[in-house]
Amino acid sequence: MGKGFFILLTVILLAGCQPSPPALWHLMLHHNSAGEVQSGSPENIVNAVRRGCQLRIAWGARRAADPSQTIEHIAEPVWVAVRNGTQVEVQLDDFLINHAVLGEPEEDHPRRARFGGTSKAVMWRAQLKPDGSFDAVWYSPQTGELITRIPQQHELRWFSDCPPGEAAPLYPDISGP
């Protein structure tokens, strides 16, 4: 075999070894805290789940006591469900709460009373839905004891690593023969 063949083979192999482009995240739904659609649609999320796509949910907050202090979150759910073919529910993984997350001294943290007045570790988890509901739960990682549950409403942005598209339900067809 000639020198040209090996050069061609090397070029082909190198071209095939190019890194994959990074995943592009598509905004599937943006709703306000009342669940009113600002862009996209809840059906986009249902179809993304049915297609096996990954989800990310983003939200933010501004401190009422000091509006100059903000925080923005983006999370990937650890559990996703589609109820009745139209409603997506996701659960976020447990997260250790950082008492100084907004820069307050630990003793002045506005949620200190909700944490039982303790500086011990507190875990957080949440269940979110595209109607704006955001059910946050704080608990003790040492005992599992529920410290507080705070149902709330948030403006959320739902992203998927797949572009919008149609998908069939994942449950079996039970309509019969």
Protein backbone atom coordinates (compact mmCIF):
# COMPACT_ATOMS: atom_id res chain seq x y z
CA MET A 1 0.00 0.00 0.00
CA GLY A 2 1.23 3.39 -0.91
CA LYS A 3 2.09 6.43 1.13
CA GLY A 4 -1.02 8.25 -0.17
CA PHE A 5 -3.31 5.58 1.29
CA PHE A 6 -1.84 6.01 4.79
CA ILE A 7 -2.15 9.80 4.54
CA LEU A 8 -5.80 9.47 3.46
CA LEU A 9 -6.50 6.96 6.26
CA THR A 10 -4.87 9.30 8.83
CA VAL A 11 -6.95 12.26 7.63
CA ILE A 12 -10.16 10.22 7.83
CA LEU A 13 -9.35 8.97 11.33
CA LEU A 14 -8.46 12.45 12.58
CA ALA A 15 -11.63 13.93 11.11
CA GLY A 16 -13.67 11.29 12.95
CA CYS A 17 -11.95 12.11 16.26
CA GLN A 18 -13.22 15.67 16.46
CA PRO A 19 -14.92 16.41 19.79
CA SER A 20 -18.69 16.53 19.80
CA PRO A 21 -20.18 20.01 19.85
CA PRO A 22 -21.55 21.06 23.23
CA ALA A 23 -25.21 20.38 23.90
CA LEU A 24 -27.42 23.29 23.01
CA TRP A 25 -30.19 24.00 25.47
CA HIS A 26 -33.53 25.11 24.05
CA LEU A 27 -36.07 27.16 26.00
CA MET A 28 -39.19 25.00 26.02
CA LEU A 29 -41.36 27.03 28.38
CA HIS A 30 -41.15 30.30 30.28
CA HIS A 31 -44.02 31.04 32.66
CA ASN A 32 -44.60 33.63 35.35
CA SER A 33 -45.19 32.76 39.00
CA ALA A 34 -48.92 32.27 38.32
CA GLY A 35 -48.08 29.68 35.65
CA GLU A 36 -49.13 31.98 32.79
CA VAL A 37 -47.13 31.11 29.67
CA GLN A 38 -44.74 33.84 28.55
CA SER A 39 -43.19 31.78 25.74
CA GLY A 40 -43.10 28.15 24.64
CA SER A 41 -45.66 25.67 25.92
CA PRO A 42 -46.12 22.92 28.53
CA GLU A 43 -46.57 20.47 25.64
CA ASN A 44 -42.95 21.16 24.64
CA ILE A 45 -41.82 19.80 28.01
CA VAL A 46 -44.10 16.73 27.82
CA ASN A 47 -42.76 15.90 24.36
CA ALA A 48 -39.15 16.43 25.46
CA VAL A 49 -39.64 13.99 28.35
CA ARG A 50 -41.26 11.44 26.04
CA ARG A 51 -38.31 11.76 23.65
CA GLY A 52 -35.83 11.04 26.44
CA CYS A 53 -34.38 14.54 26.47
CA GLN A 54 -32.76 16.08 29.52
CA LEU A 55 -34.36 19.01 31.32
CA ARG A 56 -33.02 22.00 33.20
CA ILE A 57 -35.13 24.45 35.16
CA ALA A 58 -34.00 27.99 35.95
CA TRP A 59 -35.33 30.58 38.39
CA GLY A 60 -34.10 33.50 40.41
CA ALA A 61 -34.96 35.69 43.37
CA ARG A 62 -34.32 39.17 44.69
CA ARG A 63 -34.20 39.77 48.45
CA ALA A 64 -37.14 41.86 49.58
CA ALA A 65 -35.08 43.42 52.38
CA ASP A 66 -32.25 44.36 49.99
CA PRO A 67 -33.20 44.22 46.27
CA SER A 68 -29.55 44.62 45.29
CA GLN A 69 -29.00 41.03 46.45
CA THR A 70 -30.09 38.47 43.89
CA ILE A 71 -29.58 34.79 43.28
CA GLU A 72 -30.10 32.71 40.14
CA HIS A 73 -30.45 28.93 40.04
CA ILE A 74 -30.40 26.32 37.32
CA ALA A 75 -30.96 22.68 38.18
CA GLU A 76 -31.40 19.33 36.48
CA PRO A 77 -34.14 17.18 37.97
CA VAL A 78 -33.43 13.73 39.37
CA TRP A 79 -37.02 12.58 38.88
CA VAL A 80 -39.46 13.47 36.11
CA ALA A 81 -43.08 12.40 35.62
CA VAL A 82 -45.81 13.17 33.09
CA ARG A 83 -49.28 12.98 34.65
CA ASN A 84 -52.36 12.43 32.51
CA GLY A 85 -50.37 13.20 29.39
CA THR A 86 -50.24 16.94 30.05
CA GLN A 87 -48.64 17.82 33.41
CA VAL A 88 -44.91 17.49 34.04
CA GLU A 89 -43.61 17.25 37.60
CA VAL A 90 -39.93 17.24 38.50
CA GLN A 91 -38.05 16.73 41.73
CA LEU A 92 -34.68 18.30 42.35
CA ASP A 93 -31.88 16.50 44.13
CA ASP A 94 -31.11 17.22 47.77
CA PHE A 95 -28.94 20.27 48.34
CA LEU A 96 -27.06 21.41 51.43
CA ILE A 97 -28.29 24.91 52.31
CA ASN A 98 -25.59 27.52 52.55
CA HIS A 99 -26.75 29.87 55.32
CA ALA A 100 -24.62 32.69 53.91
CA VAL A 101 -25.86 32.23 50.35
CA LEU A 102 -26.89 35.87 50.05
CA GLY A 103 -23.99 37.22 52.06
CA GLU A 104 -25.70 37.84 55.41
CA PRO A 105 -23.88 37.05 58.63
CA GLU A 106 -25.03 33.64 59.82
CA GLU A 107 -26.76 35.03 62.92
CA ASP A 108 -28.77 37.47 60.78
CA HIS A 109 -29.96 35.00 58.18
CA PRO A 110 -33.65 35.78 57.51
CA ARG A 111 -34.59 32.10 57.48
CA ARG A 112 -32.83 31.24 60.74
CA ALA A 113 -36.13 30.81 62.62
CA ARG A 114 -37.41 28.45 59.92
CA PHE A 115 -34.30 26.32 60.45
CA GLY A 116 -35.13 25.96 64.13
CA GLY A 117 -32.63 28.66 65.14
CA THR A 118 -29.73 26.31 64.52
CA SER A 119 -26.55 26.58 62.52
CA LYS A 120 -26.53 22.81 61.93
CA ALA A 121 -26.63 21.51 58.38
CA VAL A 122 -30.00 21.69 56.65
CA MET A 123 -30.89 19.92 53.41
CA TRP A 124 -33.27 21.29 50.80
CA ARG A 125 -35.22 19.66 47.99
CA ALA A 126 -38.05 20.83 45.79
CA GLN A 127 -40.78 19.63 43.48
CA LEU A 128 -41.62 21.94 40.56
CA LYS A 129 -44.44 22.06 38.02
CA PRO A 130 -45.07 24.23 34.96
CA ASP A 131 -48.01 25.89 36.72
CA GLY A 132 -45.47 27.86 38.77
CA SER A 133 -45.74 25.68 41.87
CA PHE A 134 -42.51 25.17 43.75
CA ASP A 135 -42.82 22.97 46.84
CA ALA A 136 -39.64 23.42 48.88
CA VAL A 137 -38.80 21.18 51.82
CA TRP A 138 -36.03 21.67 54.40
CA TYR A 139 -34.97 18.75 56.58
CA SER A 140 -32.19 17.61 58.88
CA PRO A 141 -29.65 15.34 57.18
CA GLN A 142 -28.74 13.93 60.61
CA THR A 143 -32.24 12.81 61.60
CA GLY A 144 -34.38 13.16 58.48
CA GLU A 145 -36.71 15.36 60.53
CA LEU A 146 -38.83 17.79 58.54
CA ILE A 147 -37.81 21.32 59.50
CA THR A 148 -40.17 23.25 57.27
CA ARG A 149 -42.15 22.99 54.06
CA ILE A 150 -42.74 26.14 52.05
CA PRO A 151 -45.08 25.83 49.07
CA GLN A 152 -44.51 28.82 46.81
CA GLN A 153 -44.96 30.11 43.27
CA HIS A 154 -42.01 31.00 41.01
CA GLU A 155 -41.37 32.26 37.54
CA LEU A 156 -39.59 29.35 35.88
CA ARG A 157 -37.77 28.72 32.63
CA TRP A 158 -37.71 25.12 31.40
CA PHE A 159 -34.94 24.05 29.02
CA SER A 160 -34.27 20.84 27.10
CA ASP A 161 -31.23 19.56 25.26
CA CYS A 162 -33.55 18.66 22.34
CA PRO A 163 -35.36 21.12 20.11
CA PRO A 164 -39.17 21.14 20.31
CA GLY A 165 -40.79 18.19 18.55
CA GLU A 166 -43.66 15.74 18.77
CA ALA A 167 -43.54 12.46 20.70
CA ALA A 168 -45.84 9.56 21.43
CA PRO A 169 -46.84 8.67 25.01
CA LEU A 170 -44.56 6.25 26.86
CA TYR A 171 -47.40 4.17 28.30
CA PRO A 172 -48.64 1.13 26.35
CA ASP A 173 -51.64 1.41 24.09
CA ILE A 174 -54.52 0.00 26.15
CA SER A 175 -57.28 0.71 23.68
CA GLY A 176 -57.53 -2.98 22.87
CA PRO A 177 -57.66 -4.90 19.59
